[in-house]
Amino acid sequence: MDINSIMSSQLVQLQQTVQLSLLQNAMNMEAVSAVALLEDMPQTAAPHPYKGSVVDIQG
């Protein structure tokens, strides 16, 4: 195996490693943004869809 083919295969592996690293960093940043968004949401309890407003008179 000559030096050019060795270097070529190592370059391909390095490119894949860099791409995966960039993808992982982007996913981590998106996760942090999503968590921050959820934490900033108001913490009010949602009203029950029908409790207290519908009376069942069938018996």
N, C-alpha and C. Protein backbone atom coordinates (compact mmCIF):
# COMPACT_ATOMS: atom_id res chain seq x y z
N MET A 1 0.86 -1.18 0.00
CA MET A 1 0.00 0.00 0.00
C MET A 1 0.90 1.24 0.00
N ASP A 2 0.66 2.13 -0.92
CA ASP A 2 1.52 3.31 -1.00
C ASP A 2 1.04 4.41 -0.05
N ILE A 3 1.88 5.39 0.15
CA ILE A 3 1.62 6.44 1.13
C ILE A 3 0.40 7.28 0.75
N ASN A 4 0.16 7.45 -0.55
CA ASN A 4 -0.99 8.26 -0.97
C ASN A 4 -2.32 7.61 -0.59
N SER A 5 -2.44 6.32 -0.76
CA SER A 5 -3.69 5.65 -0.40
C SER A 5 -3.89 5.62 1.11
N ILE A 6 -2.80 5.49 1.86
CA ILE A 6 -2.90 5.52 3.32
C ILE A 6 -3.38 6.90 3.78
N MET A 7 -2.76 7.94 3.24
CA MET A 7 -3.13 9.29 3.63
C MET A 7 -4.56 9.62 3.18
N SER A 8 -4.96 9.10 2.04
CA SER A 8 -6.30 9.34 1.55
C SER A 8 -7.34 8.70 2.47
N SER A 9 -7.09 7.47 2.89
CA SER A 9 -8.05 6.81 3.78
C SER A 9 -8.08 7.49 5.14
N GLN A 10 -6.93 7.96 5.62
CA GLN A 10 -6.90 8.67 6.90
C GLN A 10 -7.64 10.00 6.81
N LEU A 11 -7.53 10.66 5.65
CA LEU A 11 -8.23 11.92 5.45
C LEU A 11 -9.75 11.70 5.45
N VAL A 12 -10.20 10.64 4.82
CA VAL A 12 -11.63 10.32 4.82
C VAL A 12 -12.12 10.05 6.24
N GLN A 13 -11.35 9.30 7.02
CA GLN A 13 -11.73 9.02 8.40
C GLN A 13 -11.76 10.30 9.23
N LEU A 14 -10.80 11.18 9.00
CA LEU A 14 -10.77 12.45 9.72
C LEU A 14 -11.98 13.31 9.36
N GLN A 15 -12.34 13.34 8.10
CA GLN A 15 -13.52 14.11 7.68
C GLN A 15 -14.78 13.57 8.33
N GLN A 16 -14.92 12.26 8.39
CA GLN A 16 -16.09 11.66 9.03
C GLN A 16 -16.13 11.99 10.52
N THR A 17 -14.97 11.95 11.17
CA THR A 17 -14.90 12.27 12.59
C THR A 17 -15.29 13.72 12.84
N VAL A 18 -14.81 14.63 12.01
CA VAL A 18 -15.13 16.05 12.16
C VAL A 18 -16.62 16.27 11.92
N GLN A 19 -17.18 15.63 10.90
CA GLN A 19 -18.61 15.77 10.62
C GLN A 19 -19.46 15.27 11.79
N LEU A 20 -19.10 14.13 12.35
CA LEU A 20 -19.84 13.60 13.49
C LEU A 20 -19.71 14.51 14.70
N SER A 21 -18.53 15.07 14.90
CA SER A 21 -18.32 15.97 16.03
C SER A 21 -19.16 17.23 15.87
N LEU A 22 -19.20 17.78 14.66
CA LEU A 22 -20.01 18.97 14.41
C LEU A 22 -21.49 18.67 14.58
N LEU A 23 -21.93 17.52 14.11
CA LEU A 23 -23.32 17.11 14.26
C LEU A 23 -23.69 16.96 15.72
N GLN A 24 -22.81 16.34 16.50
CA GLN A 24 -23.07 16.15 17.93
C GLN A 24 -23.13 17.50 18.64
N ASN A 25 -22.24 18.42 18.30
CA ASN A 25 -22.27 19.75 18.92
C ASN A 25 -23.55 20.49 18.56
N ALA A 26 -23.98 20.38 17.32
CA ALA A 26 -25.22 21.04 16.90
C ALA A 26 -26.42 20.46 17.65
N MET A 27 -26.45 19.14 17.81
CA MET A 27 -27.55 18.51 18.53
C MET A 27 -27.55 18.93 19.99
N ASN A 28 -26.38 19.03 20.59
CA ASN A 28 -26.29 19.45 21.99
C ASN A 28 -26.79 20.89 22.14
N MET A 29 -26.43 21.76 21.20
CA MET A 29 -26.88 23.14 21.27
C MET A 29 -28.40 23.23 21.10
N GLU A 30 -28.96 22.41 20.22
CA GLU A 30 -30.41 22.38 20.04
C GLU A 30 -31.11 21.88 21.30
N ALA A 31 -30.52 20.88 21.94
CA ALA A 31 -31.11 20.35 23.18
C ALA A 31 -31.08 21.41 24.27
N VAL A 32 -29.98 22.12 24.38
CA VAL A 32 -29.87 23.18 25.39
C VAL A 32 -30.90 24.28 25.10
N SER A 33 -31.07 24.62 23.84
CA SER A 33 -32.06 25.64 23.48
C SER A 33 -33.47 25.17 23.81
N ALA A 34 -33.76 23.91 23.54
CA ALA A 34 -35.10 23.38 23.84
C ALA A 34 -35.36 23.38 25.34
N VAL A 35 -34.37 23.00 26.13
CA VAL A 35 -34.54 23.00 27.58
C VAL A 35 -34.75 24.42 28.08
N ALA A 36 -33.98 25.37 27.56
CA ALA A 36 -34.14 26.77 27.98
C ALA A 36 -35.53 27.28 27.61
N LEU A 37 -36.01 26.89 26.44
CA LEU A 37 -37.35 27.31 26.01
C LEU A 37 -38.42 26.74 26.95
N LEU A 38 -38.27 25.47 27.32
CA LEU A 38 -39.23 24.85 28.22
C LEU A 38 -39.18 25.47 29.62
N GLU A 39 -37.99 25.82 30.07
CA GLU A 39 -37.86 26.42 31.39
C GLU A 39 -38.45 27.82 31.43
N ASP A 40 -38.42 28.52 30.30
CA ASP A 40 -38.94 29.89 30.24
C ASP A 40 -40.46 29.93 30.07
N MET A 41 -41.09 28.78 29.81
CA MET A 41 -42.53 28.77 29.64
C MET A 41 -43.22 29.06 30.96
N PRO A 42 -44.36 29.73 30.92
CA PRO A 42 -45.08 29.98 32.17
C PRO A 42 -45.55 28.66 32.79
N GLN A 43 -45.54 28.60 34.10
CA GLN A 43 -45.87 27.37 34.81
C GLN A 43 -47.31 27.34 35.31
N THR A 44 -48.22 27.95 34.57
CA THR A 44 -49.61 27.95 34.99
C THR A 44 -50.26 26.61 34.64
N ALA A 45 -51.13 26.16 35.51
CA ALA A 45 -51.81 24.88 35.28
C ALA A 45 -52.91 25.09 34.25
N ALA A 46 -52.99 24.17 33.32
CA ALA A 46 -54.03 24.25 32.29
C ALA A 46 -55.37 23.88 32.90
N PRO A 47 -56.43 24.58 32.51
CA PRO A 47 -57.75 24.23 33.04
C PRO A 47 -58.21 22.88 32.50
N HIS A 48 -58.99 22.19 33.30
CA HIS A 48 -59.53 20.91 32.89
C HIS A 48 -60.51 21.15 31.74
N PRO A 49 -60.51 20.29 30.72
CA PRO A 49 -61.34 20.57 29.53
C PRO A 49 -62.84 20.61 29.80
N TYR A 50 -63.33 19.85 30.79
CA TYR A 50 -64.78 19.89 31.04
C TYR A 50 -65.13 19.91 32.52
N LYS A 51 -64.23 19.63 33.39
CA LYS A 51 -64.55 19.53 34.81
C LYS A 51 -65.03 20.88 35.35
N GLY A 52 -66.18 20.87 35.97
CA GLY A 52 -66.73 22.08 36.54
C GLY A 52 -67.64 22.85 35.60
N SER A 53 -67.68 22.48 34.34
CA SER A 53 -68.51 23.21 33.41
C SER A 53 -69.63 22.36 32.81
N VAL A 54 -69.53 21.05 32.90
CA VAL A 54 -70.54 20.15 32.34
C VAL A 54 -71.23 19.41 33.48
N VAL A 55 -72.53 19.43 33.44
CA VAL A 55 -73.32 18.74 34.47
C VAL A 55 -74.03 17.58 33.80
N ASP A 56 -73.82 16.38 34.31
CA ASP A 56 -74.48 15.19 33.77
C ASP A 56 -75.75 14.94 34.58
N ILE A 57 -76.90 15.16 33.97
CA ILE A 57 -78.16 14.99 34.71
C ILE A 57 -78.83 13.66 34.41
N GLN A 58 -78.20 12.83 33.57
CA GLN A 58 -78.79 11.52 33.31
C GLN A 58 -78.44 10.61 34.47
N GLY A 59 -79.38 9.85 34.91
CA GLY A 59 -79.08 9.06 36.07
C GLY A 59 -79.60 7.72 36.02
